[in-house]
PDB file of all heavy atoms in Angstrom:
ATOM      1  N   LYS A   1     -29.173  11.432 125.020  1.00  0.00           N
ATOM      2  CA  LYS A   1     -28.378  11.990 126.140  1.00  0.00           C
ATOM      3  C   LYS A   1     -28.699  11.219 127.395  1.00  0.00           C
ATOM      4  O   LYS A   1     -27.846  10.934 128.202  1.00  0.00           O
ATOM      5  CB  LYS A   1     -28.667  13.454 126.310  1.00  0.00           C
ATOM      6  CG  LYS A   1     -28.251  14.357 125.183  1.00  0.00           C
ATOM      7  CD  LYS A   1     -28.623  15.777 125.513  1.00  0.00           C
ATOM      8  CE  LYS A   1     -28.586  16.648 124.300  1.00  0.00           C
ATOM      9  NZ  LYS A   1     -29.067  17.980 124.542  1.00  0.00           N
ATOM     10  N   ARG A   2     -29.984  11.023 127.611  1.00  0.00           N
ATOM     11  CA  ARG A   2     -30.425  10.406 128.878  1.00  0.00           C
ATOM     12  C   ARG A   2     -31.258   9.168 128.582  1.00  0.00           C
ATOM     13  O   ARG A   2     -32.171   8.795 129.328  1.00  0.00           O
ATOM     14  CB  ARG A   2     -31.250  11.412 129.664  1.00  0.00           C
ATOM     15  CG  ARG A   2     -30.488  12.619 130.089  1.00  0.00           C
ATOM     16  CD  ARG A   2     -31.362  13.570 130.898  1.00  0.00           C
ATOM     17  NE  ARG A   2     -32.496  14.131 130.157  1.00  0.00           N
ATOM     18  CZ  ARG A   2     -32.453  15.183 129.364  1.00  0.00           C
ATOM     19  NH1 ARG A   2     -31.371  15.870 129.234  1.00  0.00           N
ATOM     20  NH2 ARG A   2     -33.541  15.629 128.758  1.00  0.00           N
ATOM     21  N   GLY A   3     -30.981   8.485 127.482  1.00  0.00           N
ATOM     22  CA  GLY A   3     -31.856   7.379 127.082  1.00  0.00           C
ATOM     23  C   GLY A   3     -31.573   6.016 127.650  1.00  0.00           C
ATOM     24  O   GLY A   3     -32.326   5.127 127.457  1.00  0.00           O
ATOM     25  N   ARG A   4     -30.417   5.865 128.307  1.00  0.00           N
ATOM     26  CA  ARG A   4     -30.054   4.545 128.812  1.00  0.00           C
ATOM     27  C   ARG A   4     -31.128   3.853 129.598  1.00  0.00           C
ATOM     28  O   ARG A   4     -31.300   2.635 129.463  1.00  0.00           O
ATOM     29  CB  ARG A   4     -28.788   4.668 129.626  1.00  0.00           C
ATOM     30  CG  ARG A   4     -28.313   3.331 130.211  1.00  0.00           C
ATOM     31  CD  ARG A   4     -27.155   2.804 129.462  1.00  0.00           C
ATOM     32  NE  ARG A   4     -26.846   1.428 129.967  1.00  0.00           N
ATOM     33  CZ  ARG A   4     -26.166   0.597 129.262  1.00  0.00           C
ATOM     34  NH1 ARG A   4     -25.763   0.917 128.056  1.00  0.00           N
ATOM     35  NH2 ARG A   4     -25.915  -0.603 129.730  1.00  0.00           N
ATOM     36  N   PRO A   5     -31.895   4.510 130.456  1.00  0.00           N
ATOM     37  CA  PRO A   5     -32.912   3.788 131.237  1.00  0.00           C
ATOM     38  C   PRO A   5     -33.955   3.064 130.449  1.00  0.00           C
ATOM     39  O   PRO A   5     -34.536   2.095 130.909  1.00  0.00           O
ATOM     40  CB  PRO A   5     -33.547   4.900 132.111  1.00  0.00           C
ATOM     41  CG  PRO A   5     -32.482   5.925 132.223  1.00  0.00           C
ATOM     42  CD  PRO A   5     -31.758   5.876 130.911  1.00  0.00           C
ATOM     43  N   ILE A   6     -34.186   3.458 129.151  1.00  0.00           N
ATOM     44  CA  ILE A   6     -35.189   2.736 128.384  1.00  0.00           C
ATOM     45  C   ILE A   6     -34.699   1.335 128.017  1.00  0.00           C
ATOM     46  O   ILE A   6     -35.480   0.476 127.587  1.00  0.00           O
ATOM     47  CB  ILE A   6     -35.660   3.465 127.067  1.00  0.00           C
ATOM     48  CG1 ILE A   6     -34.469   3.620 126.119  1.00  0.00           C
ATOM     49  CG2 ILE A   6     -36.290   4.802 127.391  1.00  0.00           C
ATOM     50  CD1 ILE A   6     -34.922   3.911 124.720  1.00  0.00           C
ATOM     51  N   ALA A   7     -33.392   1.078 128.126  1.00  0.00           N
ATOM     52  CA  ALA A   7     -32.866  -0.272 127.887  1.00  0.00           C
ATOM     53  C   ALA A   7     -32.874  -1.181 129.118  1.00  0.00           C
ATOM     54  O   ALA A   7     -32.505  -2.333 129.002  1.00  0.00           O
ATOM     55  CB  ALA A   7     -31.457  -0.125 127.303  1.00  0.00           C
ATOM     56  N   ARG A   8     -33.285  -0.635 130.234  1.00  0.00           N
ATOM     57  CA  ARG A   8     -33.254  -1.454 131.475  1.00  0.00           C
ATOM     58  C   ARG A   8     -34.360  -2.447 131.522  1.00  0.00           C
ATOM     59  O   ARG A   8     -35.490  -2.169 131.058  1.00  0.00           O
ATOM     60  CB  ARG A   8     -33.359  -0.509 132.697  1.00  0.00           C
ATOM     61  CG  ARG A   8     -32.113   0.287 132.901  1.00  0.00           C
ATOM     62  CD  ARG A   8     -32.222   1.095 134.217  1.00  0.00           C
ATOM     63  NE  ARG A   8     -31.083   1.910 134.352  1.00  0.00           N
ATOM     64  CZ  ARG A   8     -31.089   3.103 134.953  1.00  0.00           C
ATOM     65  NH1 ARG A   8     -32.200   3.522 135.514  1.00  0.00           N
ATOM     66  NH2 ARG A   8     -30.044   3.816 135.035  1.00  0.00           N
ATOM     67  N   LYS A   9     -34.065  -3.601 132.084  1.00  0.00           N
ATOM     68  CA  LYS A   9     -35.080  -4.661 132.256  1.00  0.00           C
ATOM     69  C   LYS A   9     -36.282  -4.197 133.050  1.00  0.00           C
ATOM     70  O   LYS A   9     -37.400  -4.608 132.770  1.00  0.00           O
ATOM     71  CB  LYS A   9     -34.478  -5.900 132.878  1.00  0.00           C
ATOM     72  CG  LYS A   9     -33.554  -6.635 131.991  1.00  0.00           C
ATOM     73  CD  LYS A   9     -32.970  -7.877 132.672  1.00  0.00           C
ATOM     74  CE  LYS A   9     -31.991  -8.566 131.775  1.00  0.00           C
ATOM     75  NZ  LYS A   9     -31.401  -9.704 132.438  1.00  0.00           N
ATOM     76  N   SER A  10     -36.018  -3.303 134.023  1.00  0.00           N
ATOM     77  CA  SER A  10     -37.146  -2.799 134.866  1.00  0.00           C
ATOM     78  C   SER A  10     -38.151  -2.059 134.035  1.00  0.00           C
ATOM     79  O   SER A  10     -39.362  -2.112 134.310  1.00  0.00           O
ATOM     80  CB  SER A  10     -36.613  -1.957 136.029  1.00  0.00           C
ATOM     81  OG  SER A  10     -35.866  -0.877 135.493  1.00  0.00           O
ATOM     82  N   PHE A  11     -37.713  -1.313 132.988  1.00  0.00           N
ATOM     83  CA  PHE A  11     -38.628  -0.620 132.116  1.00  0.00           C
ATOM     84  C   PHE A  11     -39.217  -1.533 131.082  1.00  0.00           C
ATOM     85  O   PHE A  11     -40.427  -1.627 130.917  1.00  0.00           O
ATOM     86  CB  PHE A  11     -37.940   0.567 131.446  1.00  0.00           C
ATOM     87  CG  PHE A  11     -38.760   1.268 130.381  1.00  0.00           C
ATOM     88  CD1 PHE A  11     -39.913   1.945 130.748  1.00  0.00           C
ATOM     89  CD2 PHE A  11     -38.448   1.155 129.047  1.00  0.00           C
ATOM     90  CE1 PHE A  11     -40.684   2.541 129.770  1.00  0.00           C
ATOM     91  CE2 PHE A  11     -39.230   1.711 128.063  1.00  0.00           C
ATOM     92  CZ  PHE A  11     -40.355   2.429 128.421  1.00  0.00           C
ATOM     93  N   LEU A  12     -38.353  -2.296 130.384  1.00  0.00           N
ATOM     94  CA  LEU A  12     -38.857  -3.146 129.280  1.00  0.00           C
ATOM     95  C   LEU A  12     -39.697  -4.277 129.793  1.00  0.00           C
ATOM     96  O   LEU A  12     -40.538  -4.788 129.039  1.00  0.00           O
ATOM     97  CB  LEU A  12     -37.653  -3.646 128.463  1.00  0.00           C
ATOM     98  CG  LEU A  12     -36.839  -2.552 127.796  1.00  0.00           C
ATOM     99  CD1 LEU A  12     -35.584  -3.150 127.117  1.00  0.00           C
ATOM    100  CD2 LEU A  12     -37.661  -1.818 126.738  1.00  0.00           C
ATOM    101  N   GLY A  13     -39.464  -4.733 131.001  1.00  0.00           N
ATOM    102  CA  GLY A  13     -40.238  -5.858 131.556  1.00  0.00           C
ATOM    103  C   GLY A  13     -41.735  -5.548 131.684  1.00  0.00           C
ATOM    104  O   GLY A  13     -42.555  -6.472 131.789  1.00  0.00           O
ATOM    105  N   GLN A  14     -42.075  -4.299 131.681  1.00  0.00           N
ATOM    106  CA  GLN A  14     -43.522  -3.876 131.753  1.00  0.00           C
ATOM    107  C   GLN A  14     -44.340  -4.381 130.619  1.00  0.00           C
ATOM    108  O   GLN A  14     -45.529  -4.536 130.701  1.00  0.00           O
ATOM    109  CB  GLN A  14     -43.656  -2.370 131.863  1.00  0.00           C
ATOM    110  CG  GLN A  14     -43.015  -1.720 133.026  1.00  0.00           C
ATOM    111  CD  GLN A  14     -43.166  -0.196 132.975  1.00  0.00           C
ATOM    112  OE1 GLN A  14     -44.206   0.295 133.450  1.00  0.00           O
ATOM    113  NE2 GLN A  14     -42.247   0.453 132.319  1.00  0.00           N
ATOM    114  N   TYR A  15     -43.661  -4.678 129.466  1.00  0.00           N
ATOM    115  CA  TYR A  15     -44.346  -5.056 128.273  1.00  0.00           C
ATOM    116  C   TYR A  15     -44.646  -6.576 128.195  1.00  0.00           C
ATOM    117  O   TYR A  15     -45.449  -7.043 127.422  1.00  0.00           O
ATOM    118  CB  TYR A  15     -43.607  -4.581 127.058  1.00  0.00           C
ATOM    119  CG  TYR A  15     -43.465  -3.138 126.968  1.00  0.00           C
ATOM    120  CD1 TYR A  15     -42.294  -2.486 127.394  1.00  0.00           C
ATOM    121  CD2 TYR A  15     -44.494  -2.315 126.488  1.00  0.00           C
ATOM    122  CE1 TYR A  15     -42.206  -1.089 127.350  1.00  0.00           C
ATOM    123  CE2 TYR A  15     -44.418  -0.973 126.444  1.00  0.00           C
ATOM    124  CZ  TYR A  15     -43.235  -0.318 126.845  1.00  0.00           C
ATOM    125  OH  TYR A  15     -43.121   1.017 126.820  1.00  0.00           O
ATOM    126  N   LYS A  16     -43.896  -7.347 129.034  1.00  0.00           N
ATOM    127  CA  LYS A  16     -44.038  -8.817 128.984  1.00  0.00           C
ATOM    128  C   LYS A  16     -45.498  -9.211 129.223  1.00  0.00           C
ATOM    129  O   LYS A  16     -46.157  -8.724 130.193  1.00  0.00           O
ATOM    130  CB  LYS A  16     -43.153  -9.464 130.010  1.00  0.00           C
ATOM    131  CG  LYS A  16     -43.127 -10.951 129.935  1.00  0.00           C
ATOM    132  CD  LYS A  16     -42.134 -11.590 130.798  1.00  0.00           C
ATOM    133  CE  LYS A  16     -42.154 -13.099 130.601  1.00  0.00           C
ATOM    134  NZ  LYS A  16     -41.093 -13.806 131.330  1.00  0.00           N
ATOM    135  N   GLY A  17     -46.000 -10.053 128.373  1.00  0.00           N
ATOM    136  CA  GLY A  17     -47.374 -10.526 128.496  1.00  0.00           C
ATOM    137  C   GLY A  17     -48.434  -9.634 127.818  1.00  0.00           C
ATOM    138  O   GLY A  17     -49.568 -10.050 127.675  1.00  0.00           O
ATOM    139  N   LYS A  18     -48.054  -8.447 127.427  1.00  0.00           N
ATOM    140  CA  LYS A  18     -49.001  -7.506 126.806  1.00  0.00           C
ATOM    141  C   LYS A  18     -49.384  -8.087 125.453  1.00  0.00           C
ATOM    142  O   LYS A  18     -48.608  -8.711 124.759  1.00  0.00           O
ATOM    143  CB  LYS A  18     -48.373  -6.135 126.649  1.00  0.00           C
ATOM    144  CG  LYS A  18     -48.018  -5.455 127.926  1.00  0.00           C
ATOM    145  CD  LYS A  18     -49.206  -4.856 128.630  1.00  0.00           C
ATOM    146  CE  LYS A  18     -48.725  -4.016 129.815  1.00  0.00           C
ATOM    147  NZ  LYS A  18     -49.805  -3.573 130.639  1.00  0.00           N
ATOM    148  N   ASN A  19     -50.658  -7.772 125.018  1.00  0.00           N
ATOM    149  CA  ASN A  19     -51.101  -8.168 123.719  1.00  0.00           C
ATOM    150  C   ASN A  19     -51.983  -7.068 123.164  1.00  0.00           C
ATOM    151  O   ASN A  19     -52.058  -5.988 123.687  1.00  0.00           O
ATOM    152  CB  ASN A  19     -51.848  -9.517 123.809  1.00  0.00           C
ATOM    153  CG  ASN A  19     -53.068  -9.428 124.688  1.00  0.00           C
ATOM    154  OD1 ASN A  19     -53.778  -8.450 124.770  1.00  0.00           O
ATOM    155  ND2 ASN A  19     -53.345 -10.546 125.440  1.00  0.00           N
ATOM    156  N   SER A  20     -52.628  -7.329 122.019  1.00  0.00           N
ATOM    157  CA  SER A  20     -53.414  -6.280 121.390  1.00  0.00           C
ATOM    158  C   SER A  20     -54.587  -5.812 122.181  1.00  0.00           C
ATOM    159  O   SER A  20     -55.135  -4.725 121.936  1.00  0.00           O
ATOM    160  CB  SER A  20     -53.896  -6.793 120.026  1.00  0.00           C
ATOM    161  OG  SER A  20     -54.702  -7.946 120.123  1.00  0.00           O
ATOM    162  N   LYS A  21     -54.973  -6.545 123.167  1.00  0.00           N
ATOM    163  CA  LYS A  21     -56.115  -6.140 124.041  1.00  0.00           C
ATOM    164  C   LYS A  21     -55.660  -5.382 125.261  1.00  0.00           C
ATOM    165  O   LYS A  21     -56.485  -4.837 126.021  1.00  0.00           O
ATOM    166  CB  LYS A  21     -56.949  -7.307 124.421  1.00  0.00           C
ATOM    167  CG  LYS A  21     -57.661  -7.962 123.249  1.00  0.00           C
ATOM    168  CD  LYS A  21     -58.452  -9.181 123.614  1.00  0.00           C
ATOM    169  CE  LYS A  21     -59.123  -9.716 122.372  1.00  0.00           C
ATOM    170  NZ  LYS A  21     -59.566 -11.056 122.475  1.00  0.00           N
ATOM    171  N   SER A  22     -54.326  -5.367 125.465  1.00  0.00           N
ATOM    172  CA  SER A  22     -53.774  -4.692 126.653  1.00  0.00           C
ATOM    173  C   SER A  22     -53.732  -3.181 126.470  1.00  0.00           C
ATOM    174  O   SER A  22     -53.443  -2.712 125.381  1.00  0.00           O
ATOM    175  CB  SER A  22     -52.332  -5.170 126.941  1.00  0.00           C
ATOM    176  OG  SER A  22     -52.318  -6.553 127.119  1.00  0.00           O
ATOM    177  N   GLU A  23     -53.997  -2.474 127.558  1.00  0.00           N
ATOM    178  CA  GLU A  23     -53.813  -1.009 127.528  1.00  0.00           C
ATOM    179  C   GLU A  23     -52.321  -0.746 127.631  1.00  0.00           C
ATOM    180  O   GLU A  23     -51.611  -1.327 128.477  1.00  0.00           O
ATOM    181  CB  GLU A  23     -54.542  -0.390 128.702  1.00  0.00           C
ATOM    182  CG  GLU A  23     -56.061  -0.463 128.587  1.00  0.00           C
ATOM    183  CD  GLU A  23     -56.639   0.371 127.408  1.00  0.00           C
ATOM    184  OE1 GLU A  23     -56.071   1.436 127.130  1.00  0.00           O
ATOM    185  OE2 GLU A  23     -57.650  -0.044 126.831  1.00  0.00           O
ATOM    186  N   MET A  24     -51.793   0.125 126.800  1.00  0.00           N
ATOM    187  CA  MET A  24     -50.386   0.491 126.869  1.00  0.00           C
ATOM    188  C   MET A  24     -50.219   1.963 126.621  1.00  0.00           C
ATOM    189  O   MET A  24     -50.009   2.416 125.497  1.00  0.00           O
ATOM    190  CB  MET A  24     -49.577  -0.313 125.780  1.00  0.00           C
ATOM    191  CG  MET A  24     -49.314  -1.727 126.134  1.00  0.00           C
ATOM    192  SD  MET A  24     -48.146  -2.538 125.007  1.00  0.00           S
ATOM    193  CE  MET A  24     -49.214  -2.937 123.624  1.00  0.00           C
ATOM    194  N   THR A  25     -50.426   2.734 127.679  1.00  0.00           N
ATOM    195  CA  THR A  25     -50.295   4.206 127.641  1.00  0.00           C
ATOM    196  C   THR A  25     -49.258   4.612 128.648  1.00  0.00           C
ATOM    197  O   THR A  25     -49.368   4.271 129.810  1.00  0.00           O
ATOM    198  CB  THR A  25     -51.654   4.834 127.944  1.00  0.00           C
ATOM    199  OG1 THR A  25     -52.636   4.332 127.049  1.00  0.00           O
ATOM    200  CG2 THR A  25     -51.573   6.358 127.815  1.00  0.00           C
ATOM    201  N   VAL A  26     -48.247   5.337 128.130  1.00  0.00           N
ATOM    202  CA  VAL A  26     -47.176   5.797 129.008  1.00  0.00           C
ATOM    203  C   VAL A  26     -47.786   6.812 130.002  1.00  0.00           C
ATOM    204  O   VAL A  26     -48.525   7.708 129.629  1.00  0.00           O
ATOM    205  CB  VAL A  26     -46.030   6.472 128.204  1.00  0.00           C
ATOM    206  CG1 VAL A  26     -45.016   7.100 129.168  1.00  0.00           C
ATOM    207  CG2 VAL A  26     -45.337   5.453 127.333  1.00  0.00           C
ATOM    208  N   GLY A  27     -47.481   6.598 131.268  1.00  0.00           N
ATOM    209  CA  GLY A  27     -48.032   7.499 132.312  1.00  0.00           C
ATOM    210  C   GLY A  27     -49.276   6.927 132.941  1.00  0.00           C
ATOM    211  O   GLY A  27     -49.772   7.481 133.945  1.00  0.00           O
ATOM    212  N   LYS A  28     -49.845   5.879 132.332  1.00  0.00           N
ATOM    213  CA  LYS A  28     -51.064   5.306 132.856  1.00  0.00           C
ATOM    214  C   LYS A  28     -50.807   3.786 133.078  1.00  0.00           C
ATOM    215  O   LYS A  28     -50.772   3.339 134.218  1.00  0.00           O
ATOM    216  CB  LYS A  28     -52.175   5.497 131.798  1.00  0.00           C
ATOM    217  CG  LYS A  28     -53.525   5.099 132.323  1.00  0.00           C
ATOM    218  CD  LYS A  28     -54.612   5.479 131.299  1.00  0.00           C
ATOM    219  CE  LYS A  28     -55.985   4.981 131.733  1.00  0.00           C
ATOM    220  NZ  LYS A  28     -56.976   5.216 130.707  1.00  0.00           N
ATOM    221  N   ASP A  29     -50.633   3.040 132.026  1.00  0.00           N
ATOM    222  CA  ASP A  29     -50.406   1.589 132.172  1.00  0.00           C
ATOM    223  C   ASP A  29     -48.951   1.264 132.114  1.00  0.00           C
ATOM    224  O   ASP A  29     -48.529   0.175 132.567  1.00  0.00           O
ATOM    225  CB  ASP A  29     -51.104   0.856 130.973  1.00  0.00           C
ATOM    226  CG  ASP A  29     -52.483   1.381 130.750  1.00  0.00           C
ATOM    227  OD1 ASP A  29     -53.358   1.198 131.593  1.00  0.00           O
ATOM    228  OD2 ASP A  29     -52.711   2.059 129.731  1.00  0.00           O
ATOM    229  N   ILE A  30     -48.150   2.112 131.534  1.00  0.00           N
ATOM    230  CA  ILE A  30     -46.696   1.920 131.445  1.00  0.00           C
ATOM    231  C   ILE A  30     -46.010   3.088 132.169  1.00  0.00           C
ATOM    232  O   ILE A  30     -46.310   4.255 131.875  1.00  0.00           O
ATOM    233  CB  ILE A  30     -46.221   1.948 129.934  1.00  0.00           C
ATOM    234  CG1 ILE A  30     -46.895   0.814 129.143  1.00  0.00           C
ATOM    235  CG2 ILE A  30     -44.721   1.873 129.838  1.00  0.00           C
ATOM    236  CD1 ILE A  30     -46.481  -0.612 129.582  1.00  0.00           C
ATOM    237  N   THR A  31     -45.123   2.753 133.094  1.00  0.00           N
ATOM    238  CA  THR A  31     -44.421   3.786 133.843  1.00  0.00           C
ATOM    239  C   THR A  31     -43.286   4.238 132.951  1.00  0.00           C
ATOM    240  O   THR A  31     -42.356   3.453 132.660  1.00  0.00           O
ATOM    241  CB  THR A  31     -43.891   3.267 135.169  1.00  0.00           C
ATOM    242  OG1 THR A  31     -45.007   2.792 135.916  1.00  0.00           O
ATOM    243  CG2 THR A  31     -43.152   4.314 135.982  1.00  0.00           C
ATOM    244  N   GLY A  32     -43.311   5.500 132.485  1.00  0.00           N
ATOM    245  CA  GLY A  32     -42.277   6.025 131.644  1.00  0.00           C
ATOM    246  C   GLY A  32     -40.996   6.366 132.419  1.00  0.00           C
ATOM    247  O   GLY A  32     -40.965   6.327 133.617  1.00  0.00           O
ATOM    248  N   ILE A  33     -39.964   6.718 131.664  1.00  0.00           N
ATOM    249  CA  ILE A  33     -38.709   7.131 132.227  1.00  0.00           C
ATOM    250  C   ILE A  33     -38.680   8.628 132.328  1.00  0.00           C
ATOM    251  O   ILE A  33     -38.876   9.301 131.335  1.00  0.00           O
ATOM    252  CB  ILE A  33     -37.504   6.629 131.351  1.00  0.00           C
ATOM    253  CG1 ILE A  33     -37.557   5.102 131.173  1.00  0.00           C
ATOM    254  CG2 ILE A  33     -36.187   7.123 131.905  1.00  0.00           C
ATOM    255  CD1 ILE A  33     -37.340   4.298 132.442  1.00  0.00           C
ATOM    256  N   SER A  34     -38.476   9.121 133.546  1.00  0.00           N
ATOM    257  CA  SER A  34     -38.374  10.584 133.719  1.00  0.00           C
ATOM    258  C   SER A  34     -37.210  11.139 132.893  1.00  0.00           C
ATOM    259  O   SER A  34     -36.120  10.622 132.954  1.00  0.00           O
ATOM    260  CB  SER A  34     -38.152  10.866 135.216  1.00  0.00           C
ATOM    261  OG  SER A  34     -38.070  12.260 135.424  1.00  0.00           O
ATOM    262  N   GLY A  35     -37.508  12.142 132.130  1.00  0.00           N
ATOM    263  CA  GLY A  35     -36.460  12.779 131.267  1.00  0.00           C
ATOM    264  C   GLY A  35     -36.309  12.080 129.949  1.00  0.00           C
ATOM    265  O   GLY A  35     -35.520  12.500 129.099  1.00  0.00           O
ATOM    266  N   ALA A  36     -37.056  10.999 129.725  1.00  0.00           N
ATOM    267  CA  ALA A  36     -36.997  10.253 128.443  1.00  0.00           C
ATOM    268  C   ALA A  36     -38.415   9.894 128.017  1.00  0.00           C
ATOM    269  O   ALA A  36     -38.666   8.751 127.616  1.00  0.00           O
ATOM    270  CB  ALA A  36     -36.143   9.025 128.594  1.00  0.00           C
ATOM    271  N   THR A  37     -39.364  10.807 128.122  1.00  0.00           N
ATOM    272  CA  THR A  37     -40.747  10.549 127.801  1.00  0.00           C
ATOM    273  C   THR A  37     -40.903  10.207 126.353  1.00  0.00           C
ATOM    274  O   THR A  37     -41.638   9.263 126.030  1.00  0.00           O
ATOM    275  CB  THR A  37     -41.617  11.779 128.146  1.00  0.00           C
ATOM    276  OG1 THR A  37     -41.402  12.107 129.527  1.00  0.00           O
ATOM    277  CG2 THR A  37     -43.078  11.550 127.904  1.00  0.00           C
ATOM    278  N   ILE A  38     -40.203  10.913 125.471  1.00  0.00           N
ATOM    279  CA  ILE A  38     -40.334  10.639 124.031  1.00  0.00           C
ATOM    280  C   ILE A  38     -39.883   9.199 123.701  1.00  0.00           C
ATOM    281  O   ILE A  38     -40.550   8.457 123.007  1.00  0.00           O
ATOM    282  CB  ILE A  38     -39.559  11.643 123.174  1.00  0.00           C
ATOM    283  CG1 ILE A  38     -40.339  12.992 123.233  1.00  0.00           C
ATOM    284  CG2 ILE A  38     -39.376  11.186 121.777  1.00  0.00           C
ATOM    285  CD1 ILE A  38     -39.596  14.159 122.574  1.00  0.00           C
ATOM    286  N   SER A  39     -38.767   8.778 124.311  1.00  0.00           N
ATOM    287  CA  SER A  39     -38.247   7.401 124.076  1.00  0.00           C
ATOM    288  C   SER A  39     -39.194   6.392 124.701  1.00  0.00           C
ATOM    289  O   SER A  39     -39.354   5.278 124.169  1.00  0.00           O
ATOM    290  CB  SER A  39     -36.877   7.274 124.625  1.00  0.00           C
ATOM    291  OG  SER A  39     -36.007   8.177 123.912  1.00  0.00           O
ATOM    292  N   SER A  40     -39.781   6.713 125.842  1.00  0.00           N
ATOM    293  CA  SER A  40     -40.742   5.777 126.474  1.00  0.00           C
ATOM    294  C   SER A  40     -41.912   5.587 125.619  1.00  0.00           C
ATOM    295  O   SER A  40     -42.398   4.467 125.402  1.00  0.00           O
ATOM    296  CB  SER A  40     -41.202   6.361 127.837  1.00  0.00           C
ATOM    297  OG  SER A  40     -40.094   6.518 128.726  1.00  0.00           O
TER     298      SER A  40
END
Protein backbone atom coordinates (compact mmCIF):
# COMPACT_ATOMS: atom_id res chain seq x y z
CA LYS A 1 0.00 0.00 0.00
CA ARG A 2 2.78 2.37 0.95
CA GLY A 3 5.79 0.52 -0.40
CA ARG A 4 6.85 2.78 -3.26
CA PRO A 5 9.51 4.65 -1.21
CA ILE A 6 11.59 1.45 -0.86
CA ALA A 7 12.22 1.64 -4.61
CA ARG A 8 13.64 5.17 -4.44
CA LYS A 9 17.33 5.75 -5.10
CA SER A 10 17.55 7.77 -1.89
CA PHE A 11 16.67 4.65 0.12
CA LEU A 12 18.45 2.01 -1.97
CA GLY A 13 21.58 4.16 -2.33
CA GLN A 14 22.33 3.56 1.36
CA TYR A 15 23.48 0.03 0.50
CA LYS A 16 26.09 1.05 -2.07
CA GLY A 17 29.55 0.00 -0.94
CA LYS A 18 28.25 -2.18 1.92
CA ASN A 19 29.87 -5.57 2.38
CA SER A 20 29.80 -8.46 4.83
CA LYS A 21 31.71 -6.41 7.41
CA SER A 22 29.32 -3.46 7.21
CA GLU A 23 26.69 -2.87 9.85
CA MET A 24 23.24 -2.95 8.25
CA THR A 25 20.51 -2.44 10.82
CA VAL A 26 17.35 -0.54 9.95
CA GLY A 27 16.94 2.40 12.30
CA LYS A 28 20.64 2.44 13.12
CA ASP A 29 22.89 2.15 10.05
CA ILE A 30 20.09 2.16 7.47
CA THR A 31 17.41 4.85 7.55
CA GLY A 32 14.13 2.97 7.09
CA ILE A 33 11.02 4.22 5.36
CA SER A 34 8.35 5.51 7.73
CA GLY A 35 5.24 3.35 7.33
CA ALA A 36 7.22 0.65 5.50
CA THR A 37 9.43 -0.75 8.26
CA ILE A 38 8.80 -4.38 7.28
CA SER A 39 9.79 -3.69 3.66
CA SER A 40 12.84 -1.71 4.81
